[in-house]
Amino acid sequence: MASSSSLVPSSSDLTHVMKRGRRCINWSELPSELTSSILQRLGAIEILGNAQKVCTSWRRVCKDPSMWRKIVMHDLGESMEFDLEIMSGNLRSLKLAKCYSVTDHGFERAVVKLPLLEDLEVSYCLLSEESLKVVGQSCHNLKTLKLNRRGLRRPRFENDDEALAIAETMHGLRHLQLFGNSLSNTGLSSILDNCPYLEHLDLRQCFNVSIVGDLEKRCSERIKFVRYPNDSTHDYPFDATVFHMDSDEEDYFDCYDFDNYD
């Protein structure tokens, strides 16, 4: 979560703190450089939920744009707000995994303030294709998108809405991961037509895609590195268990037992 230019406290700062021995430390009196160094060792959730509430000076450091060039959030529960005020225009990388309390409205309000965003991961979050369009329209520097969900084998269930949103608004993508997506060959073709700089494409567990014939040729000629629907998931960071469904469409979201993700 720390910025690329980490602020390291000087030895004199550390010595000053250590000399206090067993006395209670007044956290508000710490030099801002030392406070920054401490906070950059925490995750975004710890900062949003606890650190910024310690004192006024800590909150001021927490809101410094240099603290927020990369944000990684996992398991963001209902009790934690998606803090739009702290999200700064300097953010380059945002990764959300299993953040079920983040809504389309809150997410869209955040990303319109992130014009420098280059790397976005949204894994197992309940966001719509409309949010993807807002990302593409607001974040013109976006190079990497990871949009991941649980793989689903279900006959005749295809949905190209997300693929078409990507094709329509994210022409500068270099890296695209769509793990477990329900896109069809139509959606994939649209992405290939409209994302000319794409170099890496991960379609693991996208079981509605059949990459053969002309589509296979286009992928092999255009894309440097392709991962196909049935490729190994050994390096995938989440549970890669596939759901097999024959039931009605209303059961679709019932298969997402979010508590079981690693």
C-alpha atoms as a PDB file:
ATOM      1  CA  MET A   1       0.000   0.000   0.000  1.00  0.00           C
ATOM      2  CA  ALA A   2       2.999   2.271   0.422  1.00  0.00           C
ATOM      3  CA  SER A   3       3.967   4.625  -2.348  1.00  0.00           C
ATOM      4  CA  SER A   4       6.919   3.779  -4.556  1.00  0.00           C
ATOM      5  CA  SER A   5       8.960   6.525  -2.893  1.00  0.00           C
ATOM      6  CA  SER A   6       8.858   5.160   0.673  1.00  0.00           C
ATOM      7  CA  LEU A   7       9.608   7.624   3.442  1.00  0.00           C
ATOM      8  CA  VAL A   8      12.230   6.096   5.738  1.00  0.00           C
ATOM      9  CA  PRO A   9      12.818   7.724   9.121  1.00  0.00           C
ATOM     10  CA  SER A  10      16.301   8.972   9.903  1.00  0.00           C
ATOM     11  CA  SER A  11      18.393   7.261  12.569  1.00  0.00           C
ATOM     12  CA  SER A  12      18.104  10.371  14.761  1.00  0.00           C
ATOM     13  CA  ASP A  13      14.306  10.102  14.667  1.00  0.00           C
ATOM     14  CA  LEU A  14      14.427   6.454  15.700  1.00  0.00           C
ATOM     15  CA  THR A  15      16.945   7.171  18.463  1.00  0.00           C
ATOM     16  CA  HIS A  16      14.753   9.972  19.780  1.00  0.00           C
ATOM     17  CA  VAL A  17      11.783   7.609  20.059  1.00  0.00           C
ATOM     18  CA  MET A  18      13.800   4.756  21.575  1.00  0.00           C
ATOM     19  CA  LYS A  19      15.249   7.029  24.272  1.00  0.00           C
ATOM     20  CA  ARG A  20      11.777   7.516  25.664  1.00  0.00           C
ATOM     21  CA  GLY A  21      12.173   4.049  27.114  1.00  0.00           C
ATOM     22  CA  ARG A  22       9.152   2.876  29.014  1.00  0.00           C
ATOM     23  CA  ARG A  23       7.421   6.236  29.043  1.00  0.00           C
ATOM     24  CA  CYS A  24       4.082   6.565  27.212  1.00  0.00           C
ATOM     25  CA  ILE A  25       4.581   7.969  23.732  1.00  0.00           C
ATOM     26  CA  ASN A  26       2.432  10.865  22.623  1.00  0.00           C
ATOM     27  CA  TRP A  27       1.759   9.694  19.067  1.00  0.00           C
ATOM     28  CA  SER A  28       0.745  13.175  17.940  1.00  0.00           C
ATOM     29  CA  GLU A  29       4.288  14.422  18.663  1.00  0.00           C
ATOM     30  CA  LEU A  30       6.032  11.986  16.322  1.00  0.00           C
ATOM     31  CA  PRO A  31       7.771  13.590  13.321  1.00  0.00           C
ATOM     32  CA  SER A  32       5.567  13.316  10.227  1.00  0.00           C
ATOM     33  CA  GLU A  33       8.284  11.329   8.385  1.00  0.00           C
ATOM     34  CA  LEU A  34       8.322   8.719  11.146  1.00  0.00           C
ATOM     35  CA  THR A  35       4.527   8.583  11.256  1.00  0.00           C
ATOM     36  CA  SER A  36       4.470   8.036   7.487  1.00  0.00           C
ATOM     37  CA  SER A  37       6.986   5.221   7.785  1.00  0.00           C
ATOM     38  CA  ILE A  38       4.867   3.526  10.451  1.00  0.00           C
ATOM     39  CA  LEU A  39       1.625   3.908   8.512  1.00  0.00           C
ATOM     40  CA  GLN A  40       3.111   2.625   5.266  1.00  0.00           C
ATOM     41  CA  ARG A  41       3.651  -0.706   6.999  1.00  0.00           C
ATOM     42  CA  LEU A  42      -0.094  -1.028   7.530  1.00  0.00           C
ATOM     43  CA  GLY A  43      -2.760  -2.080   5.070  1.00  0.00           C
ATOM     44  CA  ALA A  44      -5.479   0.196   3.743  1.00  0.00           C
ATOM     45  CA  ILE A  45      -8.132  -1.325   5.996  1.00  0.00           C
ATOM     46  CA  GLU A  46      -5.997  -0.769   9.117  1.00  0.00           C
ATOM     47  CA  ILE A  47      -5.462   2.856   8.139  1.00  0.00           C
ATOM     48  CA  LEU A  48      -9.094   3.548   7.279  1.00  0.00           C
ATOM     49  CA  GLY A  49     -10.464   1.693  10.282  1.00  0.00           C
ATOM     50  CA  ASN A  50      -7.978   2.545  13.019  1.00  0.00           C
ATOM     51  CA  ALA A  51      -4.842   4.562  12.318  1.00  0.00           C
ATOM     52  CA  GLN A  52      -6.510   7.701  10.993  1.00  0.00           C
ATOM     53  CA  LYS A  53      -8.566   7.874  14.201  1.00  0.00           C
ATOM     54  CA  VAL A  54      -5.564   7.930  16.570  1.00  0.00           C
ATOM     55  CA  CYS A  55      -5.136  11.699  16.507  1.00  0.00           C
ATOM     56  CA  THR A  56      -5.418  14.740  14.268  1.00  0.00           C
ATOM     57  CA  SER A  57      -1.793  14.634  13.136  1.00  0.00           C
ATOM     58  CA  TRP A  58      -2.093  10.959  12.152  1.00  0.00           C
ATOM     59  CA  ARG A  59      -5.237  11.665  10.168  1.00  0.00           C
ATOM     60  CA  ARG A  60      -3.402  14.475   8.383  1.00  0.00           C
ATOM     61  CA  VAL A  61      -0.602  12.077   7.412  1.00  0.00           C
ATOM     62  CA  CYS A  62      -3.158   9.433   6.402  1.00  0.00           C
ATOM     63  CA  LYS A  63      -4.660  11.906   3.944  1.00  0.00           C
ATOM     64  CA  ASP A  64      -1.320  12.771   2.359  1.00  0.00           C
ATOM     65  CA  PRO A  65      -1.496  11.782  -1.347  1.00  0.00           C
ATOM     66  CA  SER A  66       1.893  10.044  -1.140  1.00  0.00           C
ATOM     67  CA  MET A  67       0.307   7.441   1.138  1.00  0.00           C
ATOM     68  CA  TRP A  68      -2.201   6.375  -1.490  1.00  0.00           C
ATOM     69  CA  ARG A  69      -0.464   5.405  -4.708  1.00  0.00           C
ATOM     70  CA  LYS A  70      -1.359   1.758  -4.211  1.00  0.00           C
ATOM     71  CA  ILE A  71      -4.346   0.383  -2.300  1.00  0.00           C
ATOM     72  CA  VAL A  72      -5.047  -3.285  -1.595  1.00  0.00           C
ATOM     73  CA  MET A  73      -8.291  -4.174   0.196  1.00  0.00           C
ATOM     74  CA  HIS A  74      -9.453  -7.665   1.102  1.00  0.00           C
ATOM     75  CA  ASP A  75     -12.609  -8.708   2.939  1.00  0.00           C
ATOM     76  CA  LEU A  76     -14.013  -5.215   3.290  1.00  0.00           C
ATOM     77  CA  GLY A  77     -17.062  -5.776   5.497  1.00  0.00           C
ATOM     78  CA  GLU A  78     -20.226  -3.816   6.077  1.00  0.00           C
ATOM     79  CA  SER A  79     -18.670  -1.979   9.013  1.00  0.00           C
ATOM     80  CA  MET A  80     -15.938  -0.437   6.861  1.00  0.00           C
ATOM     81  CA  GLU A  81     -16.699   2.505   4.600  1.00  0.00           C
ATOM     82  CA  PHE A  82     -15.141   2.876   1.173  1.00  0.00           C
ATOM     83  CA  ASP A  83     -13.487   6.162   2.139  1.00  0.00           C
ATOM     84  CA  LEU A  84     -13.826   8.471  -0.873  1.00  0.00           C
ATOM     85  CA  GLU A  85     -12.253  11.440   0.872  1.00  0.00           C
ATOM     86  CA  ILE A  86      -8.950   9.629   1.364  1.00  0.00           C
ATOM     87  CA  MET A  87      -8.826   8.270  -2.197  1.00  0.00           C
ATOM     88  CA  SER A  88      -6.552  10.767  -3.909  1.00  0.00           C
ATOM     89  CA  GLY A  89      -5.847  11.658  -7.514  1.00  0.00           C
ATOM     90  CA  ASN A  90      -2.354  10.144  -7.172  1.00  0.00           C
ATOM     91  CA  LEU A  91      -3.604   6.565  -6.947  1.00  0.00           C
ATOM     92  CA  ARG A  92      -1.962   4.262  -9.521  1.00  0.00           C
ATOM     93  CA  SER A  93      -3.087   0.822  -8.335  1.00  0.00           C
ATOM     94  CA  LEU A  94      -6.355  -0.325  -6.729  1.00  0.00           C
ATOM     95  CA  LYS A  95      -7.044  -3.941  -5.800  1.00  0.00           C
ATOM     96  CA  LEU A  96     -10.354  -4.988  -4.251  1.00  0.00           C
ATOM     97  CA  ALA A  97     -11.008  -8.603  -3.318  1.00  0.00           C
ATOM     98  CA  LYS A  98     -14.166  -9.872  -1.626  1.00  0.00           C
ATOM     99  CA  CYS A  99     -15.226  -6.324  -0.765  1.00  0.00           C
ATOM    100  CA  TYR A 100     -18.946  -7.031  -0.798  1.00  0.00           C
ATOM    101  CA  SER A 101     -19.975  -3.765   0.845  1.00  0.00           C
ATOM    102  CA  VAL A 102     -18.568  -1.684  -2.018  1.00  0.00           C
ATOM    103  CA  THR A 103     -21.525  -0.642  -4.169  1.00  0.00           C
ATOM    104  CA  ASP A 104     -21.653   0.537  -7.775  1.00  0.00           C
ATOM    105  CA  HIS A 105     -22.483   4.039  -6.570  1.00  0.00           C
ATOM    106  CA  GLY A 106     -19.596   4.233  -4.099  1.00  0.00           C
ATOM    107  CA  PHE A 107     -17.132   2.666  -6.523  1.00  0.00           C
ATOM    108  CA  GLU A 108     -18.100   5.002  -9.360  1.00  0.00           C
ATOM    109  CA  ARG A 109     -17.796   8.066  -7.117  1.00  0.00           C
ATOM    110  CA  ALA A 110     -14.271   6.952  -6.260  1.00  0.00           C
ATOM    111  CA  VAL A 111     -12.914   6.081  -9.702  1.00  0.00           C
ATOM    112  CA  VAL A 112     -13.954   9.371 -11.309  1.00  0.00           C
ATOM    113  CA  LYS A 113     -11.399  10.959  -8.959  1.00  0.00           C
ATOM    114  CA  LEU A 114      -8.587   8.608 -10.037  1.00  0.00           C
ATOM    115  CA  PRO A 115      -7.375   9.857 -13.443  1.00  0.00           C
ATOM    116  CA  LEU A 116      -3.889   8.349 -12.987  1.00  0.00           C
ATOM    117  CA  LEU A 117      -5.095   4.817 -12.219  1.00  0.00           C
ATOM    118  CA  GLU A 118      -3.106   2.224 -14.196  1.00  0.00           C
ATOM    119  CA  ASP A 119      -3.829  -1.069 -12.445  1.00  0.00           C
ATOM    120  CA  LEU A 120      -7.275  -2.229 -11.290  1.00  0.00           C
ATOM    121  CA  GLU A 121      -8.270  -5.569  -9.800  1.00  0.00           C
ATOM    122  CA  VAL A 122     -11.865  -6.352  -8.834  1.00  0.00           C
ATOM    123  CA  SER A 123     -12.140  -9.925  -7.567  1.00  0.00           C
ATOM    124  CA  TYR A 124     -15.386 -11.371  -6.177  1.00  0.00           C
ATOM    125  CA  CYS A 125     -17.042  -7.975  -5.758  1.00  0.00           C
ATOM    126  CA  LEU A 126     -20.646  -7.224  -6.672  1.00  0.00           C
ATOM    127  CA  LEU A 127     -20.101  -4.533  -9.297  1.00  0.00           C
ATOM    128  CA  SER A 128     -21.917  -4.140 -12.617  1.00  0.00           C
ATOM    129  CA  GLU A 129     -20.791  -3.455 -16.168  1.00  0.00           C
ATOM    130  CA  GLU A 130     -21.890   0.164 -15.671  1.00  0.00           C
ATOM    131  CA  SER A 131     -19.094   0.587 -13.135  1.00  0.00           C
ATOM    132  CA  LEU A 132     -16.641  -0.793 -15.696  1.00  0.00           C
ATOM    133  CA  LYS A 133     -17.785   1.839 -18.176  1.00  0.00           C
ATOM    134  CA  VAL A 134     -17.160   4.572 -15.616  1.00  0.00           C
ATOM    135  CA  VAL A 135     -13.654   3.184 -15.076  1.00  0.00           C
ATOM    136  CA  GLY A 136     -12.925   3.237 -18.795  1.00  0.00           C
ATOM    137  CA  GLN A 137     -14.334   6.724 -19.233  1.00  0.00           C
ATOM    138  CA  SER A 138     -12.486   8.174 -16.221  1.00  0.00           C
ATOM    139  CA  CYS A 139      -9.171   6.294 -16.058  1.00  0.00           C
ATOM    140  CA  HIS A 140      -7.535   6.829 -19.447  1.00  0.00           C
ATOM    141  CA  ASN A 141      -4.153   5.531 -18.226  1.00  0.00           C
ATOM    142  CA  LEU A 142      -5.541   2.113 -17.294  1.00  0.00           C
ATOM    143  CA  LYS A 143      -3.177  -0.625 -18.497  1.00  0.00           C
ATOM    144  CA  THR A 144      -4.160  -3.631 -16.374  1.00  0.00           C
ATOM    145  CA  LEU A 145      -7.614  -4.942 -15.485  1.00  0.00           C
ATOM    146  CA  LYS A 146      -8.303  -8.081 -13.456  1.00  0.00           C
ATOM    147  CA  LEU A 147     -11.990  -8.937 -13.199  1.00  0.00           C
ATOM    148  CA  ASN A 148     -12.342 -12.264 -11.419  1.00  0.00           C
ATOM    149  CA  ARG A 149     -15.167 -14.459 -10.161  1.00  0.00           C
ATOM    150  CA  ARG A 150     -15.981 -18.099  -9.489  1.00  0.00           C
ATOM    151  CA  GLY A 151     -15.888 -20.281 -12.609  1.00  0.00           C
ATOM    152  CA  LEU A 152     -19.318 -21.513 -13.679  1.00  0.00           C
ATOM    153  CA  ARG A 153     -20.259 -24.277 -16.083  1.00  0.00           C
ATOM    154  CA  ARG A 154     -23.823 -23.678 -17.120  1.00  0.00           C
ATOM    155  CA  PRO A 155     -25.326 -24.527 -20.514  1.00  0.00           C
ATOM    156  CA  ARG A 156     -26.700 -21.609 -22.515  1.00  0.00           C
ATOM    157  CA  PHE A 157     -25.677 -18.993 -19.936  1.00  0.00           C
ATOM    158  CA  GLU A 158     -23.708 -16.292 -21.747  1.00  0.00           C
ATOM    159  CA  ASN A 159     -23.279 -12.653 -20.811  1.00  0.00           C
ATOM    160  CA  ASP A 160     -21.139 -10.251 -22.826  1.00  0.00           C
ATOM    161  CA  ASP A 161     -22.091  -7.065 -20.964  1.00  0.00           C
ATOM    162  CA  GLU A 162     -18.756  -6.749 -19.146  1.00  0.00           C
ATOM    163  CA  ALA A 163     -16.726  -7.689 -22.215  1.00  0.00           C
ATOM    164  CA  LEU A 164     -18.541  -5.089 -24.311  1.00  0.00           C
ATOM    165  CA  ALA A 165     -18.048  -2.432 -21.610  1.00  0.00           C
ATOM    166  CA  ILE A 166     -14.309  -3.180 -21.663  1.00  0.00           C
ATOM    167  CA  ALA A 167     -14.178  -3.085 -25.462  1.00  0.00           C
ATOM    168  CA  GLU A 168     -16.111   0.174 -25.567  1.00  0.00           C
ATOM    169  CA  THR A 169     -14.106   2.157 -23.024  1.00  0.00           C
ATOM    170  CA  MET A 170     -10.681   0.570 -22.306  1.00  0.00           C
ATOM    171  CA  HIS A 171      -8.766   0.803 -25.568  1.00  0.00           C
ATOM    172  CA  GLY A 172      -5.359   1.183 -23.891  1.00  0.00           C
ATOM    173  CA  LEU A 173      -5.337  -2.105 -21.963  1.00  0.00           C
ATOM    174  CA  ARG A 174      -2.139  -4.188 -22.018  1.00  0.00           C
ATOM    175  CA  HIS A 175      -3.108  -6.858 -19.493  1.00  0.00           C
ATOM    176  CA  LEU A 176      -6.581  -8.333 -19.070  1.00  0.00           C
ATOM    177  CA  GLN A 177      -7.638 -11.135 -16.725  1.00  0.00           C
ATOM    178  CA  LEU A 178     -11.258 -12.318 -16.887  1.00  0.00           C
ATOM    179  CA  PHE A 179     -11.173 -15.377 -14.650  1.00  0.00           C
ATOM    180  CA  GLY A 180     -14.522 -17.192 -14.551  1.00  0.00           C
ATOM    181  CA  ASN A 181     -16.288 -14.710 -16.828  1.00  0.00           C
ATOM    182  CA  SER A 182     -19.436 -15.661 -18.774  1.00  0.00           C
ATOM    183  CA  LEU A 183     -18.424 -13.898 -21.983  1.00  0.00           C
ATOM    184  CA  SER A 184     -18.888 -15.612 -25.335  1.00  0.00           C
ATOM    185  CA  ASN A 185     -16.873 -15.524 -28.559  1.00  0.00           C
ATOM    186  CA  THR A 186     -18.785 -12.365 -29.464  1.00  0.00           C
ATOM    187  CA  GLY A 187     -17.512 -10.543 -26.385  1.00  0.00           C
ATOM    188  CA  LEU A 188     -13.967 -11.797 -26.896  1.00  0.00           C
ATOM    189  CA  SER A 189     -13.984 -10.709 -30.547  1.00  0.00           C
ATOM    190  CA  SER A 190     -15.127  -7.251 -29.509  1.00  0.00           C
ATOM    191  CA  ILE A 191     -12.251  -6.983 -27.028  1.00  0.00           C
ATOM    192  CA  LEU A 192      -9.748  -8.041 -29.699  1.00  0.00           C
ATOM    193  CA  ASP A 193     -11.238  -5.515 -32.129  1.00  0.00           C
ATOM    194  CA  ASN A 194     -11.094  -2.585 -29.718  1.00  0.00           C
ATOM    195  CA  CYS A 195      -8.053  -3.205 -27.490  1.00  0.00           C
ATOM    196  CA  PRO A 196      -5.178  -3.072 -30.005  1.00  0.00           C
ATOM    197  CA  TYR A 197      -2.393  -2.893 -27.390  1.00  0.00           C
ATOM    198  CA  LEU A 198      -3.425  -6.020 -25.493  1.00  0.00           C
ATOM    199  CA  GLU A 199      -0.405  -8.233 -24.711  1.00  0.00           C
ATOM    200  CA  HIS A 200      -1.576 -10.573 -21.942  1.00  0.00           C
ATOM    201  CA  LEU A 201      -5.010 -12.197 -21.868  1.00  0.00           C
ATOM    202  CA  ASP A 202      -6.180 -14.599 -19.146  1.00  0.00           C
ATOM    203  CA  LEU A 203      -9.428 -16.432 -19.933  1.00  0.00           C
ATOM    204  CA  ARG A 204      -9.169 -19.294 -17.470  1.00  0.00           C
ATOM    205  CA  GLN A 205     -12.531 -20.830 -16.573  1.00  0.00           C
ATOM    206  CA  CYS A 206     -14.315 -18.732 -19.221  1.00  0.00           C
ATOM    207  CA  PHE A 207     -16.130 -21.827 -20.412  1.00  0.00           C
ATOM    208  CA  ASN A 208     -18.411 -20.134 -22.947  1.00  0.00           C
ATOM    209  CA  VAL A 209     -15.444 -19.160 -25.109  1.00  0.00           C
ATOM    210  CA  SER A 210     -14.306 -21.543 -27.838  1.00  0.00           C
ATOM    211  CA  ILE A 211     -10.935 -20.361 -29.097  1.00  0.00           C
ATOM    212  CA  VAL A 212     -10.619 -22.229 -32.378  1.00  0.00           C
ATOM    213  CA  GLY A 213     -10.269 -21.341 -36.040  1.00  0.00           C
ATOM    214  CA  ASP A 214     -10.062 -17.641 -36.838  1.00  0.00           C
ATOM    215  CA  LEU A 215     -10.406 -16.635 -33.181  1.00  0.00           C
ATOM    216  CA  GLU A 216      -7.466 -18.837 -32.225  1.00  0.00           C
ATOM    217  CA  LYS A 217      -5.414 -17.349 -35.055  1.00  0.00           C
ATOM    218  CA  ARG A 218      -6.220 -13.813 -33.962  1.00  0.00           C
ATOM    219  CA  CYS A 219      -5.223 -14.548 -30.375  1.00  0.00           C
ATOM    220  CA  SER A 220      -1.963 -16.260 -31.315  1.00  0.00           C
ATOM    221  CA  GLU A 221      -0.957 -13.517 -33.750  1.00  0.00           C
ATOM    222  CA  ARG A 222      -2.063 -10.544 -31.680  1.00  0.00           C
ATOM    223  CA  ILE A 223      -1.507 -11.513 -28.058  1.00  0.00           C
ATOM    224  CA  LYS A 224       1.931 -12.324 -26.645  1.00  0.00           C
ATOM    225  CA  PHE A 225       0.639 -14.460 -23.788  1.00  0.00           C
ATOM    226  CA  VAL A 226      -2.762 -16.179 -23.650  1.00  0.00           C
ATOM    227  CA  ARG A 227      -4.169 -18.399 -20.909  1.00  0.00           C
ATOM    228  CA  TYR A 228      -7.031 -20.528 -22.174  1.00  0.00           C
ATOM    229  CA  PRO A 229     -10.255 -21.572 -20.388  1.00  0.00           C
ATOM    230  CA  ASN A 230      -8.952 -24.990 -19.323  1.00  0.00           C
ATOM    231  CA  ASP A 231      -5.404 -23.953 -18.443  1.00  0.00           C
ATOM    232  CA  SER A 232      -3.971 -24.712 -15.011  1.00  0.00           C
ATOM    233  CA  THR A 233      -5.077 -22.550 -12.084  1.00  0.00           C
ATOM    234  CA  HIS A 234      -2.163 -23.482  -9.824  1.00  0.00           C
ATOM    235  CA  ASP A 235      -0.991 -19.871  -9.496  1.00  0.00           C
ATOM    236  CA  TYR A 236      -4.455 -18.363  -9.048  1.00  0.00           C
ATOM    237  CA  PRO A 237      -4.668 -16.755  -5.584  1.00  0.00           C
ATOM    238  CA  PHE A 238      -8.313 -17.669  -4.874  1.00  0.00           C
ATOM    239  CA  ASP A 239     -10.358 -20.840  -4.678  1.00  0.00           C
ATOM    240  CA  ALA A 240     -10.620 -22.122  -8.268  1.00  0.00           C
ATOM    241  CA  THR A 241     -13.386 -24.688  -7.661  1.00  0.00           C
ATOM    242  CA  VAL A 242     -15.793 -24.747 -10.618  1.00  0.00           C
ATOM    243  CA  PHE A 243     -19.558 -24.763 -10.140  1.00  0.00           C
ATOM    244  CA  HIS A 244     -21.636 -26.983 -12.423  1.00  0.00           C
ATOM    245  CA  MET A 245     -25.212 -25.787 -12.742  1.00  0.00           C
ATOM    246  CA  ASP A 246     -28.379 -27.017 -14.450  1.00  0.00           C
ATOM    247  CA  SER A 247     -30.820 -25.016 -12.327  1.00  0.00           C
ATOM    248  CA  ASP A 248     -32.802 -21.868 -13.000  1.00  0.00           C
ATOM    249  CA  GLU A 249     -31.157 -18.497 -13.449  1.00  0.00           C
ATOM    250  CA  GLU A 250     -32.412 -17.311 -10.064  1.00  0.00           C
ATOM    251  CA  ASP A 251     -29.992 -19.770  -8.452  1.00  0.00           C
ATOM    252  CA  TYR A 252     -26.966 -18.152 -10.081  1.00  0.00           C
ATOM    253  CA  PHE A 253     -25.859 -16.026  -7.126  1.00  0.00           C
ATOM    254  CA  ASP A 254     -26.677 -18.789  -4.632  1.00  0.00           C
ATOM    255  CA  CYS A 255     -23.571 -20.638  -5.814  1.00  0.00           C
ATOM    256  CA  TYR A 256     -21.314 -17.860  -4.558  1.00  0.00           C
ATOM    257  CA  ASP A 257     -20.568 -18.966  -1.025  1.00  0.00           C
ATOM    258  CA  PHE A 258     -18.288 -16.024  -0.326  1.00  0.00           C
ATOM    259  CA  ASP A 259     -17.231 -17.324   3.073  1.00  0.00           C
ATOM    260  CA  ASN A 260     -15.380 -20.218   1.448  1.00  0.00           C
ATOM    261  CA  TYR A 261     -12.856 -18.160  -0.509  1.00  0.00           C
ATOM    262  CA  ASP A 262      -9.265 -18.396   0.611  1.00  0.00           C
END
